[in-house]
Protein backbone atom coordinates (compact mmCIF):
# COMPACT_ATOMS: atom_id res chain seq x y z
CA MET A 1 64.34 -51.51 -5.58
CA ARG A 2 62.29 -51.69 -2.39
CA ILE A 3 58.53 -51.07 -2.19
CA GLN A 4 57.09 -50.47 1.26
CA GLU A 5 54.23 -48.79 3.06
CA ILE A 6 55.24 -45.44 4.47
CA SER A 7 55.14 -45.91 8.21
CA VAL A 8 57.11 -42.81 9.24
CA TRP A 9 56.41 -39.58 7.38
CA ASN A 10 59.53 -37.69 6.33
CA HIS A 11 58.80 -34.50 4.41
CA ASP A 12 62.47 -33.94 3.51
CA GLU A 13 62.65 -37.21 1.58
CA LEU A 14 59.89 -36.01 -0.77
CA VAL A 15 61.38 -32.59 -1.56
CA PRO A 16 63.28 -33.76 -4.70
CA MET A 17 60.13 -35.48 -5.99
CA LEU A 18 58.08 -32.37 -5.23
CA ALA A 19 60.50 -30.15 -7.18
CA GLU A 20 60.60 -32.49 -10.17
CA SER A 21 56.85 -33.09 -10.34
CA SER A 22 56.17 -29.36 -10.03
CA SER A 23 58.59 -28.63 -12.89
CA GLU A 24 56.57 -31.07 -15.03
CA GLY A 25 53.34 -29.25 -14.20
CA PHE A 26 52.01 -31.90 -11.80
CA ARG A 27 50.57 -30.86 -8.44
CA HIS A 28 49.74 -34.22 -6.92
CA ILE A 29 52.95 -34.56 -4.89
CA GLU A 30 52.34 -31.08 -3.50
CA ARG A 31 48.81 -32.25 -2.66
CA VAL A 32 49.86 -35.50 -0.99
CA ILE A 33 52.34 -33.61 1.19
CA HIS A 34 49.80 -30.94 2.11
CA GLU A 35 46.99 -33.42 2.77
CA TYR A 36 49.21 -35.73 4.83
CA GLU A 37 50.73 -32.96 6.93
CA THR A 38 47.40 -31.25 7.62
CA GLY A 39 45.66 -34.54 8.42
CA ILE A 40 43.24 -34.33 5.50
CA ASN A 41 44.46 -37.64 4.10
CA THR A 42 46.91 -39.80 6.03
CA PHE A 43 45.96 -43.11 4.37
CA GLU A 44 45.00 -44.57 7.75
CA GLN A 45 41.47 -45.86 7.18
CA GLU A 46 41.00 -49.60 6.94
CA GLY A 47 42.40 -50.86 3.65
CA GLU A 48 44.29 -47.66 2.88
CA ALA A 49 48.04 -47.27 2.40
CA LEU A 50 50.68 -44.97 0.99
CA PHE A 51 53.56 -46.78 -0.68
CA GLU A 52 57.01 -45.60 -1.60
CA CYS A 53 59.69 -47.04 -3.83
CA ARG A 54 63.25 -46.63 -2.64
CA MET A 55 66.42 -47.09 -4.60
CA HIS A 56 69.74 -46.46 -2.88
CA ASP A 57 67.85 -45.02 0.14
CA LYS A 58 66.17 -42.40 -2.07
CA VAL A 59 62.40 -42.19 -2.55
CA VAL A 60 61.91 -42.45 -6.33
CA GLY A 61 58.21 -43.27 -6.53
CA ILE A 62 55.00 -42.99 -4.56
CA CYS A 63 51.45 -44.31 -4.84
CA GLY A 64 48.51 -44.42 -2.48
CA LEU A 65 45.27 -46.28 -1.98
CA ASN A 66 42.23 -44.67 -0.39
CA ARG A 67 38.65 -45.68 0.12
CA ASP A 68 36.64 -43.87 -2.53
CA PRO A 69 34.73 -41.14 -0.67
CA TYR A 70 32.33 -40.66 -3.59
CA SER A 71 31.27 -44.27 -4.01
CA LYS A 72 28.10 -45.55 -2.40
CA MET A 73 29.88 -48.87 -1.96
CA THR A 74 32.18 -48.83 1.07
CA ASP A 75 34.55 -51.40 -0.40
CA THR A 76 35.63 -49.34 -3.42
CA GLY A 77 39.18 -48.01 -3.48
CA ARG A 78 40.90 -45.18 -5.28
CA ILE A 79 44.45 -45.13 -6.61
CA ARG A 80 46.06 -41.90 -5.45
CA ARG A 81 49.08 -39.78 -6.35
CA LEU A 82 51.12 -42.20 -8.45
CA TYR A 83 54.40 -40.57 -9.41
CA VAL A 84 57.79 -41.93 -10.45
CA MET A 85 60.81 -39.69 -10.85
CA ARG A 86 61.93 -39.28 -14.48
CA GLU A 87 65.26 -41.05 -14.06
CA PHE A 88 63.50 -44.18 -12.80
CA ARG A 89 60.64 -44.43 -15.29
CA ARG A 90 60.52 -47.47 -17.56
CA HIS A 91 62.37 -49.53 -14.95
CA GLY A 92 59.36 -51.22 -13.36
CA VAL A 93 58.90 -48.79 -10.46
CA GLY A 94 55.33 -47.82 -11.38
CA ARG A 95 54.37 -51.43 -11.99
CA ARG A 96 55.77 -52.53 -8.63
CA LEU A 97 53.98 -49.69 -6.83
CA MET A 98 50.72 -50.65 -8.54
CA ASP A 99 51.28 -54.31 -7.65
CA ALA A 100 51.56 -53.26 -3.99
CA VAL A 101 48.38 -51.18 -4.23
CA ILE A 102 46.47 -54.00 -5.93
CA GLN A 103 47.66 -56.54 -3.36
CA LYS A 104 46.64 -54.24 -0.51
CA SER A 105 43.25 -53.49 -2.05
CA GLY A 106 42.46 -57.17 -2.40
CA LYS A 107 42.56 -57.62 1.36
CA SER A 108 39.73 -55.21 2.17
CA LEU A 109 38.51 -53.46 -0.96
CA ARG A 110 36.53 -55.28 -3.64
CA SER A 111 37.23 -52.92 -6.51
CA THR A 112 39.34 -49.96 -7.47
CA GLY A 113 37.09 -47.22 -8.74
CA SER A 114 37.99 -43.91 -10.32
CA VAL A 115 41.44 -42.88 -11.41
CA HIS A 116 42.32 -39.36 -12.48
CA GLY A 117 45.52 -38.69 -14.38
CA SER A 118 47.36 -37.59 -17.47
CA THR A 119 47.27 -39.36 -20.82
CA GLY A 120 50.53 -41.08 -19.87
CA CYS A 121 48.93 -42.32 -16.68
CA TRP A 122 45.99 -43.80 -18.60
CA ILE A 123 48.32 -45.53 -21.07
CA PHE A 124 50.34 -46.98 -18.20
CA LEU A 125 47.26 -48.22 -16.34
CA SER A 126 45.76 -49.73 -19.49
CA GLN A 127 49.00 -51.66 -20.03
CA LEU A 128 48.52 -53.06 -16.53
CA GLY A 129 44.98 -54.08 -17.42
CA ILE A 130 43.35 -51.57 -15.09
């Protein structure tokens, strides 16, 4: 398992994740692809990052960190687009992605503000103490 910041965008590597997330009724992988490719959100502001988890050279998880555009405080971050492919859930992928986001946020963002997600997402984040 390898967690790293995405430095080179490769749409094709996210196609399996897009298909799976869409079949589960989630649109956030579709959104991250659209926003990245249109320049709406490329995770390039200071303190921002988009992380991927790779196993056997396959992207199996993704999670981003943005500055919160709705906060009056400029050092508030937002966890964005966390998704782990079904086959790799409950194997520590989500935790490792969140660890990377938390470590990155500590360098330039004082707090992580709002999180939007499913009930499963909230349960997961509460288990992490977030």
